[in-house]
Amino acid sequence: MSRFPSFAELAEFDMGLAGCAALIAVWLGVALLSIVIEQAWLGLRRLLKLGKDRSNGR
């Protein structure tokens, strides 16, 4: 028996590692998108509130 792993064993390990990396990348992307949407929503609310206050003469 060889002390080096076979190509099939290496490919199986690399595919599992790639799958794990892909899931982490998707999770981080969704988290970043959520933060961007939240900040855009807060900025839009602030602009609308500022416009409303100015139209009342305040």
N, C-alpha and C. Protein backbone atom coordinates (compact mmCIF):
# COMPACT_ATOMS: atom_id res chain seq x y z
N MET A 1 0.83 -1.17 0.00
CA MET A 1 0.00 0.00 0.00
C MET A 1 0.89 1.25 0.00
N SER A 2 0.51 2.21 -0.83
CA SER A 2 1.30 3.43 -0.97
C SER A 2 1.03 4.39 0.18
N ARG A 3 2.04 5.12 0.56
CA ARG A 3 1.83 6.06 1.66
C ARG A 3 1.25 7.39 1.14
N PHE A 4 1.17 7.56 -0.19
CA PHE A 4 0.58 8.76 -0.77
C PHE A 4 -0.90 8.50 -1.08
N PRO A 5 -1.76 9.47 -0.87
CA PRO A 5 -3.19 9.27 -1.17
C PRO A 5 -3.42 9.18 -2.68
N SER A 6 -4.44 8.47 -3.06
CA SER A 6 -4.75 8.33 -4.48
C SER A 6 -5.40 9.62 -4.99
N PHE A 7 -5.47 9.72 -6.31
CA PHE A 7 -6.07 10.90 -6.92
C PHE A 7 -7.54 11.01 -6.54
N ALA A 8 -8.25 9.89 -6.46
CA ALA A 8 -9.67 9.91 -6.10
C ALA A 8 -9.87 10.44 -4.68
N GLU A 9 -9.00 10.06 -3.77
CA GLU A 9 -9.10 10.56 -2.40
C GLU A 9 -8.83 12.06 -2.34
N LEU A 10 -7.84 12.52 -3.10
CA LEU A 10 -7.54 13.95 -3.13
C LEU A 10 -8.68 14.74 -3.75
N ALA A 11 -9.26 14.24 -4.84
CA ALA A 11 -10.35 14.93 -5.50
C ALA A 11 -11.57 15.01 -4.57
N GLU A 12 -11.85 13.94 -3.83
CA GLU A 12 -12.99 13.94 -2.91
C GLU A 12 -12.77 14.97 -1.80
N PHE A 13 -11.57 15.03 -1.27
CA PHE A 13 -11.26 16.00 -0.21
C PHE A 13 -11.36 17.42 -0.74
N ASP A 14 -10.82 17.67 -1.94
CA ASP A 14 -10.85 19.02 -2.51
C ASP A 14 -12.26 19.47 -2.83
N MET A 15 -13.12 18.56 -3.28
CA MET A 15 -14.50 18.93 -3.57
C MET A 15 -15.24 19.28 -2.30
N GLY A 16 -14.98 18.57 -1.23
CA GLY A 16 -15.61 18.91 0.04
C GLY A 16 -15.14 20.25 0.55
N LEU A 17 -13.86 20.52 0.39
CA LEU A 17 -13.30 21.80 0.81
C LEU A 17 -13.86 22.93 -0.05
N ALA A 18 -13.99 22.70 -1.34
CA ALA A 18 -14.54 23.71 -2.24
C ALA A 18 -16.01 23.98 -1.91
N GLY A 19 -16.75 22.93 -1.59
CA GLY A 19 -18.15 23.11 -1.21
C GLY A 19 -18.29 23.92 0.06
N CYS A 20 -17.43 23.64 1.02
CA CYS A 20 -17.45 24.39 2.28
C CYS A 20 -17.09 25.85 2.03
N ALA A 21 -16.10 26.09 1.21
CA ALA A 21 -15.70 27.47 0.89
C ALA A 21 -16.82 28.20 0.16
N ALA A 22 -17.51 27.50 -0.73
CA ALA A 22 -18.62 28.12 -1.47
C ALA A 22 -19.76 28.49 -0.52
N LEU A 23 -20.08 27.61 0.42
CA LEU A 23 -21.14 27.92 1.38
C LEU A 23 -20.78 29.12 2.26
N ILE A 24 -19.53 29.19 2.68
CA ILE A 24 -19.09 30.33 3.50
C ILE A 24 -19.15 31.61 2.67
N ALA A 25 -18.75 31.55 1.40
CA ALA A 25 -18.79 32.73 0.54
C ALA A 25 -20.22 33.21 0.32
N VAL A 26 -21.15 32.27 0.12
CA VAL A 26 -22.56 32.65 -0.05
C VAL A 26 -23.09 33.27 1.23
N TRP A 27 -22.77 32.68 2.37
CA TRP A 27 -23.23 33.20 3.66
C TRP A 27 -22.71 34.62 3.90
N LEU A 28 -21.44 34.85 3.63
CA LEU A 28 -20.86 36.18 3.80
C LEU A 28 -21.47 37.18 2.80
N GLY A 29 -21.73 36.73 1.59
CA GLY A 29 -22.35 37.60 0.59
C GLY A 29 -23.75 38.03 1.00
N VAL A 30 -24.53 37.09 1.51
CA VAL A 30 -25.88 37.42 1.97
C VAL A 30 -25.83 38.37 3.15
N ALA A 31 -24.90 38.15 4.07
CA ALA A 31 -24.76 39.05 5.23
C ALA A 31 -24.38 40.45 4.77
N LEU A 32 -23.47 40.57 3.83
CA LEU A 32 -23.06 41.87 3.32
C LEU A 32 -24.20 42.55 2.58
N LEU A 33 -24.95 41.81 1.79
CA LEU A 33 -26.09 42.36 1.08
C LEU A 33 -27.15 42.87 2.06
N SER A 34 -27.37 42.13 3.13
CA SER A 34 -28.32 42.55 4.15
C SER A 34 -27.90 43.87 4.79
N ILE A 35 -26.62 44.02 5.08
CA ILE A 35 -26.12 45.27 5.67
C ILE A 35 -26.29 46.43 4.69
N VAL A 36 -25.99 46.20 3.42
CA VAL A 36 -26.12 47.26 2.41
C VAL A 36 -27.58 47.69 2.28
N ILE A 37 -28.50 46.73 2.24
CA ILE A 37 -29.92 47.05 2.12
C ILE A 37 -30.39 47.83 3.35
N GLU A 38 -29.97 47.41 4.52
CA GLU A 38 -30.37 48.10 5.75
C GLU A 38 -29.86 49.54 5.76
N GLN A 39 -28.62 49.76 5.38
CA GLN A 39 -28.07 51.11 5.37
C GLN A 39 -28.76 51.98 4.32
N ALA A 40 -29.08 51.42 3.18
CA ALA A 40 -29.79 52.17 2.15
C ALA A 40 -31.18 52.56 2.64
N TRP A 41 -31.86 51.65 3.31
CA TRP A 41 -33.19 51.92 3.85
C TRP A 41 -33.13 53.03 4.90
N LEU A 42 -32.15 52.96 5.81
CA LEU A 42 -32.02 54.00 6.83
C LEU A 42 -31.69 55.35 6.20
N GLY A 43 -30.84 55.38 5.21
CA GLY A 43 -30.52 56.63 4.52
C GLY A 43 -31.73 57.21 3.81
N LEU A 44 -32.51 56.35 3.17
CA LEU A 44 -33.72 56.81 2.48
C LEU A 44 -34.72 57.39 3.46
N ARG A 45 -34.90 56.73 4.60
CA ARG A 45 -35.80 57.27 5.63
C ARG A 45 -35.33 58.62 6.13
N ARG A 46 -34.01 58.75 6.32
CA ARG A 46 -33.46 60.03 6.80
C ARG A 46 -33.69 61.13 5.76
N LEU A 47 -33.51 60.82 4.48
CA LEU A 47 -33.75 61.82 3.44
C LEU A 47 -35.21 62.22 3.37
N LEU A 48 -36.11 61.24 3.47
CA LEU A 48 -37.53 61.56 3.42
C LEU A 48 -37.96 62.39 4.62
N LYS A 49 -37.41 62.07 5.79
CA LYS A 49 -37.73 62.83 6.98
C LYS A 49 -37.19 64.26 6.86
N LEU A 50 -35.98 64.42 6.32
CA LEU A 50 -35.39 65.73 6.13
C LEU A 50 -36.22 66.56 5.16
N GLY A 51 -36.67 65.94 4.07
CA GLY A 51 -37.52 66.65 3.10
C GLY A 51 -38.85 67.04 3.69
N LYS A 52 -39.41 66.20 4.53
CA LYS A 52 -40.69 66.48 5.16
C LYS A 52 -40.54 67.66 6.14
N ASP A 53 -39.45 67.67 6.89
CA ASP A 53 -39.23 68.76 7.84
C ASP A 53 -39.03 70.10 7.10
N ARG A 54 -38.35 70.10 5.99
CA ARG A 54 -38.11 71.34 5.25
C ARG A 54 -39.38 71.84 4.60
N SER A 55 -40.26 70.96 4.18
CA SER A 55 -41.51 71.41 3.54
C SER A 55 -42.45 72.06 4.58
N ASN A 56 -42.27 71.76 5.83
CA ASN A 56 -43.08 72.38 6.89
C ASN A 56 -42.47 73.71 7.35
N GLY A 57 -41.34 74.08 6.83
CA GLY A 57 -40.71 75.34 7.19
C GLY A 57 -39.86 75.25 8.44
N ARG A 58 -39.53 74.09 8.88
CA ARG A 58 -38.71 73.93 10.10
C ARG A 58 -37.26 73.79 9.76
